[in-house]
Amino acid sequence: MSAENDGNEGIRDRVQSKGEKAAADIAQALIGSPAFGQAVSAAVSARDRAADAQRAAMGAMGVSSQDEAERLERRVRVLSDRLEETEDRLDAALDQIRELRAEIKDLRTPSGRSKSK
C-alpha cells in the first residue's frame, strides 16, 4: 500500500510541477504582452471613472460617498479620543481638588494646627 501511495504522490508532484511551470509561463507571457498591459490600464481607468460617477450620483442624491463616510468616521474617532483625554484631565483635576480640600480641612482642625500658638 505504501508503494502505491508513493507512486500516486510522485505522479501528483509531477503534475503539480508541470502545472506550476505552465502557470509561470502564462504569467510571464502576459507580463511581457503590451496588449495585456493596455487592458490592465484600461480596466483601472474604467474603475476610477466608475468610482467618480458613483460619487457624483450619490452626491446628487444627497447620499454620502464611502470616502466621505470614512472621513467622517476618522473625525468622530479623533473627537472621541480628544473627549476621552479631556475626561481624564478633568478626573485628575478633580482628584487634585479633593486632595487640596483634605489638606485645607486638616489645617483647620485643632489637631492640624501648629503648636506654636
N, C-alpha and C. Protein backbone atom coordinates (compact mmCIF):
# COMPACT_ATOMS: atom_id res chain seq x y z
N MET A 1 0.84 -1.19 0.00
CA MET A 1 0.00 0.00 0.00
C MET A 1 0.87 1.24 0.00
N SER A 2 1.99 1.21 0.68
CA SER A 2 2.89 2.35 0.77
C SER A 2 3.51 2.66 -0.59
N ALA A 3 3.85 1.62 -1.35
CA ALA A 3 4.44 1.82 -2.68
C ALA A 3 3.43 2.49 -3.60
N GLU A 4 2.14 2.12 -3.46
CA GLU A 4 1.10 2.73 -4.28
C GLU A 4 0.95 4.21 -3.94
N ASN A 5 0.96 4.55 -2.64
CA ASN A 5 0.87 5.95 -2.20
C ASN A 5 2.06 6.75 -2.70
N ASP A 6 3.27 6.13 -2.63
CA ASP A 6 4.45 6.82 -3.13
C ASP A 6 4.33 7.08 -4.63
N GLY A 7 3.78 6.14 -5.36
CA GLY A 7 3.58 6.30 -6.80
C GLY A 7 2.59 7.41 -7.11
N ASN A 8 1.47 7.44 -6.33
CA ASN A 8 0.46 8.49 -6.51
C ASN A 8 1.03 9.86 -6.18
N GLU A 9 1.84 9.92 -5.10
CA GLU A 9 2.44 11.20 -4.71
C GLU A 9 3.44 11.65 -5.76
N GLY A 10 4.18 10.72 -6.34
CA GLY A 10 5.14 11.07 -7.39
C GLY A 10 4.42 11.64 -8.61
N ILE A 11 3.33 11.02 -9.00
CA ILE A 11 2.54 11.50 -10.14
C ILE A 11 1.96 12.87 -9.82
N ARG A 12 1.42 12.99 -8.60
CA ARG A 12 0.83 14.27 -8.19
C ARG A 12 1.88 15.38 -8.19
N ASP A 13 3.07 15.07 -7.69
CA ASP A 13 4.15 16.06 -7.67
C ASP A 13 4.55 16.47 -9.07
N ARG A 14 4.63 15.50 -9.99
CA ARG A 14 4.98 15.82 -11.38
C ARG A 14 3.91 16.68 -12.03
N VAL A 15 2.64 16.31 -11.81
CA VAL A 15 1.54 17.09 -12.40
C VAL A 15 1.53 18.49 -11.81
N GLN A 16 1.72 18.58 -10.50
CA GLN A 16 1.74 19.89 -9.84
C GLN A 16 2.89 20.73 -10.38
N SER A 17 4.05 20.13 -10.53
CA SER A 17 5.21 20.84 -11.03
C SER A 17 4.97 21.35 -12.45
N LYS A 18 4.39 20.49 -13.29
CA LYS A 18 4.09 20.91 -14.67
C LYS A 18 3.05 22.02 -14.67
N GLY A 19 2.04 21.92 -13.80
CA GLY A 19 1.02 22.96 -13.71
C GLY A 19 1.61 24.29 -13.26
N GLU A 20 2.49 24.24 -12.28
CA GLU A 20 3.14 25.47 -11.81
C GLU A 20 3.99 26.08 -12.91
N LYS A 21 4.71 25.25 -13.67
CA LYS A 21 5.54 25.76 -14.76
C LYS A 21 4.66 26.38 -15.83
N ALA A 22 3.54 25.74 -16.14
CA ALA A 22 2.63 26.28 -17.16
C ALA A 22 2.05 27.61 -16.69
N ALA A 23 1.66 27.70 -15.42
CA ALA A 23 1.12 28.96 -14.89
C ALA A 23 2.18 30.05 -14.93
N ALA A 24 3.43 29.71 -14.59
CA ALA A 24 4.52 30.70 -14.63
C ALA A 24 4.76 31.15 -16.06
N ASP A 25 4.72 30.22 -17.02
CA ASP A 25 4.91 30.59 -18.43
C ASP A 25 3.81 31.52 -18.92
N ILE A 26 2.57 31.24 -18.53
CA ILE A 26 1.44 32.09 -18.92
C ILE A 26 1.59 33.47 -18.29
N ALA A 27 1.94 33.51 -17.02
CA ALA A 27 2.11 34.80 -16.33
C ALA A 27 3.21 35.60 -17.00
N GLN A 28 4.32 34.96 -17.33
CA GLN A 28 5.43 35.66 -17.98
C GLN A 28 5.00 36.19 -19.34
N ALA A 29 4.24 35.40 -20.07
CA ALA A 29 3.77 35.84 -21.39
C ALA A 29 2.83 37.03 -21.25
N LEU A 30 1.96 37.00 -20.25
CA LEU A 30 1.04 38.12 -20.03
C LEU A 30 1.78 39.39 -19.63
N ILE A 31 2.77 39.23 -18.74
CA ILE A 31 3.53 40.39 -18.29
C ILE A 31 4.26 41.05 -19.46
N GLY A 32 4.78 40.24 -20.35
CA GLY A 32 5.51 40.76 -21.49
C GLY A 32 4.63 41.27 -22.62
N SER A 33 3.34 41.05 -22.54
CA SER A 33 2.44 41.42 -23.62
C SER A 33 1.97 42.87 -23.49
N PRO A 34 2.22 43.70 -24.51
CA PRO A 34 1.73 45.08 -24.47
C PRO A 34 0.20 45.14 -24.42
N ALA A 35 -0.46 44.22 -25.07
CA ALA A 35 -1.92 44.21 -25.07
C ALA A 35 -2.46 43.97 -23.67
N PHE A 36 -1.80 43.08 -22.91
CA PHE A 36 -2.24 42.82 -21.54
C PHE A 36 -2.05 44.06 -20.68
N GLY A 37 -0.90 44.73 -20.84
CA GLY A 37 -0.65 45.97 -20.09
C GLY A 37 -1.69 47.03 -20.40
N GLN A 38 -2.06 47.15 -21.68
CA GLN A 38 -3.08 48.12 -22.08
C GLN A 38 -4.43 47.75 -21.49
N ALA A 39 -4.74 46.46 -21.47
CA ALA A 39 -6.02 46.00 -20.92
C ALA A 39 -6.10 46.30 -19.43
N VAL A 40 -5.00 46.08 -18.71
CA VAL A 40 -4.98 46.37 -17.27
C VAL A 40 -5.15 47.86 -17.04
N SER A 41 -4.44 48.67 -17.82
CA SER A 41 -4.56 50.13 -17.69
C SER A 41 -5.98 50.59 -17.97
N ALA A 42 -6.59 50.03 -19.01
CA ALA A 42 -7.97 50.40 -19.35
C ALA A 42 -8.93 49.99 -18.23
N ALA A 43 -8.71 48.82 -17.64
CA ALA A 43 -9.58 48.36 -16.54
C ALA A 43 -9.45 49.27 -15.32
N VAL A 44 -8.23 49.66 -14.99
CA VAL A 44 -8.00 50.55 -13.85
C VAL A 44 -8.64 51.91 -14.11
N SER A 45 -8.48 52.40 -15.31
CA SER A 45 -9.08 53.69 -15.68
C SER A 45 -10.61 53.62 -15.62
N ALA A 46 -11.17 52.54 -16.12
CA ALA A 46 -12.62 52.36 -16.08
C ALA A 46 -13.12 52.29 -14.64
N ARG A 47 -12.37 51.60 -13.78
CA ARG A 47 -12.75 51.52 -12.37
C ARG A 47 -12.76 52.91 -11.74
N ASP A 48 -11.73 53.70 -12.03
CA ASP A 48 -11.66 55.06 -11.47
C ASP A 48 -12.81 55.92 -11.97
N ARG A 49 -13.12 55.82 -13.25
CA ARG A 49 -14.24 56.60 -13.80
C ARG A 49 -15.57 56.16 -13.19
N ALA A 50 -15.73 54.87 -12.97
CA ALA A 50 -16.96 54.36 -12.35
C ALA A 50 -17.08 54.86 -10.91
N ALA A 51 -15.97 54.88 -10.19
CA ALA A 51 -16.00 55.38 -8.81
C ALA A 51 -16.34 56.86 -8.79
N ASP A 52 -15.77 57.64 -9.73
CA ASP A 52 -16.10 59.07 -9.81
C ASP A 52 -17.58 59.27 -10.12
N ALA A 53 -18.10 58.48 -11.05
CA ALA A 53 -19.51 58.59 -11.41
C ALA A 53 -20.40 58.20 -10.23
N GLN A 54 -20.00 57.19 -9.49
CA GLN A 54 -20.78 56.77 -8.32
C GLN A 54 -20.81 57.89 -7.28
N ARG A 55 -19.64 58.51 -7.02
CA ARG A 55 -19.59 59.62 -6.06
C ARG A 55 -20.48 60.77 -6.51
N ALA A 56 -20.43 61.10 -7.81
CA ALA A 56 -21.25 62.19 -8.32
C ALA A 56 -22.74 61.87 -8.18
N ALA A 57 -23.12 60.64 -8.51
CA ALA A 57 -24.53 60.25 -8.42
C ALA A 57 -25.00 60.26 -6.98
N MET A 58 -24.18 59.76 -6.09
CA MET A 58 -24.58 59.73 -4.68
C MET A 58 -24.65 61.15 -4.12
N GLY A 59 -23.74 62.00 -4.57
CA GLY A 59 -23.79 63.39 -4.14
C GLY A 59 -25.05 64.09 -4.63
N ALA A 60 -25.45 63.78 -5.85
CA ALA A 60 -26.66 64.38 -6.41
C ALA A 60 -27.90 63.93 -5.65
N MET A 61 -27.86 62.72 -5.11
CA MET A 61 -28.99 62.20 -4.34
C MET A 61 -28.91 62.60 -2.87
N GLY A 62 -27.81 63.24 -2.49
CA GLY A 62 -27.66 63.65 -1.09
C GLY A 62 -27.19 62.53 -0.19
N VAL A 63 -26.62 61.48 -0.78
CA VAL A 63 -26.12 60.34 -0.02
C VAL A 63 -24.60 60.46 0.05
N SER A 64 -24.05 60.23 1.23
CA SER A 64 -22.61 60.33 1.40
C SER A 64 -21.89 59.22 0.66
N SER A 65 -20.73 59.56 0.10
CA SER A 65 -19.91 58.54 -0.54
C SER A 65 -19.12 57.80 0.53
N GLN A 66 -18.50 56.71 0.14
CA GLN A 66 -17.70 55.93 1.08
C GLN A 66 -16.54 56.77 1.60
N ASP A 67 -15.92 57.57 0.72
CA ASP A 67 -14.82 58.43 1.16
C ASP A 67 -15.28 59.42 2.21
N GLU A 68 -16.44 60.02 2.00
CA GLU A 68 -16.97 60.97 2.97
C GLU A 68 -17.31 60.28 4.29
N ALA A 69 -17.86 59.09 4.20
CA ALA A 69 -18.20 58.34 5.41
C ALA A 69 -16.93 57.97 6.18
N GLU A 70 -15.88 57.57 5.47
CA GLU A 70 -14.62 57.23 6.13
C GLU A 70 -13.99 58.47 6.75
N ARG A 71 -14.05 59.59 6.06
CA ARG A 71 -13.52 60.85 6.60
C ARG A 71 -14.29 61.24 7.87
N LEU A 72 -15.61 61.11 7.83
CA LEU A 72 -16.43 61.41 9.00
C LEU A 72 -16.10 60.46 10.15
N GLU A 73 -15.90 59.19 9.83
CA GLU A 73 -15.55 58.21 10.86
C GLU A 73 -14.22 58.58 11.52
N ARG A 74 -13.22 59.00 10.71
CA ARG A 74 -11.94 59.41 11.28
C ARG A 74 -12.11 60.63 12.18
N ARG A 75 -12.91 61.59 11.74
CA ARG A 75 -13.13 62.79 12.55
C ARG A 75 -13.83 62.46 13.87
N VAL A 76 -14.81 61.56 13.81
CA VAL A 76 -15.51 61.16 15.03
C VAL A 76 -14.54 60.42 15.97
N ARG A 77 -13.67 59.58 15.41
CA ARG A 77 -12.69 58.86 16.22
C ARG A 77 -11.73 59.84 16.90
N VAL A 78 -11.26 60.86 16.16
CA VAL A 78 -10.38 61.87 16.74
C VAL A 78 -11.11 62.64 17.84
N LEU A 79 -12.34 63.01 17.57
CA LEU A 79 -13.14 63.72 18.58
C LEU A 79 -13.33 62.86 19.82
N SER A 80 -13.59 61.58 19.64
CA SER A 80 -13.76 60.67 20.76
C SER A 80 -12.47 60.59 21.58
N ASP A 81 -11.33 60.49 20.90
CA ASP A 81 -10.05 60.44 21.60
C ASP A 81 -9.81 61.72 22.40
N ARG A 82 -10.12 62.85 21.80
CA ARG A 82 -9.93 64.13 22.49
C ARG A 82 -10.88 64.25 23.68
N LEU A 83 -12.10 63.78 23.53
CA LEU A 83 -13.05 63.82 24.63
C LEU A 83 -12.58 62.92 25.78
N GLU A 84 -12.07 61.75 25.45
CA GLU A 84 -11.56 60.84 26.47
C GLU A 84 -10.38 61.47 27.20
N GLU A 85 -9.50 62.13 26.45
CA GLU A 85 -8.35 62.82 27.06
C GLU A 85 -8.83 63.94 27.99
N THR A 86 -9.85 64.67 27.56
CA THR A 86 -10.41 65.74 28.38
C THR A 86 -11.03 65.16 29.66
N GLU A 87 -11.73 64.05 29.55
CA GLU A 87 -12.31 63.40 30.73
C GLU A 87 -11.21 62.98 31.71
N ASP A 88 -10.12 62.43 31.19
CA ASP A 88 -9.01 62.01 32.05
C ASP A 88 -8.40 63.21 32.77
N ARG A 89 -8.22 64.31 32.03
CA ARG A 89 -7.64 65.52 32.64
C ARG A 89 -8.59 66.09 33.69
N LEU A 90 -9.89 66.06 33.41
CA LEU A 90 -10.88 66.55 34.37
C LEU A 90 -10.88 65.69 35.63
N ASP A 91 -10.79 64.37 35.46
CA ASP A 91 -10.72 63.47 36.62
C ASP A 91 -9.48 63.77 37.46
N ALA A 92 -8.36 64.01 36.80
CA ALA A 92 -7.12 64.32 37.52
C ALA A 92 -7.28 65.65 38.27
N ALA A 93 -7.90 66.64 37.63
CA ALA A 93 -8.11 67.93 38.29
C ALA A 93 -9.04 67.78 39.50
N LEU A 94 -10.08 66.98 39.36
CA LEU A 94 -10.98 66.75 40.50
C LEU A 94 -10.27 66.03 41.65
N ASP A 95 -9.40 65.10 41.33
CA ASP A 95 -8.61 64.43 42.37
C ASP A 95 -7.72 65.43 43.11
N GLN A 96 -7.11 66.35 42.35
CA GLN A 96 -6.27 67.37 42.99
C GLN A 96 -7.09 68.28 43.87
N ILE A 97 -8.29 68.65 43.43
CA ILE A 97 -9.17 69.50 44.24
C ILE A 97 -9.54 68.78 45.53
N ARG A 98 -9.86 67.49 45.45
CA ARG A 98 -10.19 66.72 46.66
C ARG A 98 -9.00 66.68 47.63
N GLU A 99 -7.81 66.48 47.09
CA GLU A 99 -6.61 66.46 47.93
C GLU A 99 -6.39 67.82 48.60
N LEU A 100 -6.56 68.90 47.85
CA LEU A 100 -6.40 70.24 48.42
C LEU A 100 -7.44 70.50 49.51
N ARG A 101 -8.67 70.09 49.26
CA ARG A 101 -9.71 70.26 50.29
C ARG A 101 -9.36 69.50 51.56
N ALA A 102 -8.84 68.29 51.38
CA ALA A 102 -8.46 67.48 52.55
C ALA A 102 -7.32 68.16 53.30
N GLU A 103 -6.36 68.73 52.58
CA GLU A 103 -5.24 69.43 53.24
C GLU A 103 -5.75 70.67 53.96
N ILE A 104 -6.66 71.41 53.34
CA ILE A 104 -7.23 72.60 53.98
C ILE A 104 -8.00 72.21 55.23
N LYS A 105 -8.75 71.12 55.14
CA LYS A 105 -9.52 70.65 56.29
C LYS A 105 -8.58 70.26 57.43
N ASP A 106 -7.49 69.60 57.10
CA ASP A 106 -6.50 69.22 58.12
C ASP A 106 -5.88 70.45 58.77
N LEU A 107 -5.65 71.48 58.00
CA LEU A 107 -5.07 72.71 58.55
C LEU A 107 -6.05 73.42 59.48
N ARG A 108 -7.32 73.32 59.25
CA ARG A 108 -8.35 74.00 60.05
C ARG A 108 -8.69 73.26 61.33
N THR A 109 -8.48 71.96 61.39
CA THR A 109 -8.83 71.20 62.59
C THR A 109 -7.80 71.46 63.67
N PRO A 110 -8.21 71.38 64.96
CA PRO A 110 -7.28 71.65 66.07
C PRO A 110 -6.04 70.76 66.04
N SER A 111 -6.17 69.54 65.67
CA SER A 111 -5.00 68.66 65.66
C SER A 111 -4.06 68.99 64.51
N GLY A 112 -4.57 69.66 63.49
CA GLY A 112 -3.76 70.02 62.34
C GLY A 112 -3.04 71.34 62.51
N ARG A 113 -3.40 72.14 63.54
CA ARG A 113 -2.77 73.44 63.74
C ARG A 113 -1.39 73.26 64.37
N SER A 114 -0.55 74.19 64.09
CA SER A 114 0.79 74.11 64.67
C SER A 114 0.73 74.42 66.15
N LYS A 115 1.66 73.93 66.93
CA LYS A 115 1.67 74.08 68.39
C LYS A 115 2.30 75.40 68.83
N SER A 116 2.72 76.23 67.91
CA SER A 116 3.37 77.49 68.29
C SER A 116 2.39 78.50 68.84
N LYS A 117 1.11 78.37 68.60
CA LYS A 117 0.11 79.32 69.09
C LYS A 117 -0.17 79.17 70.51
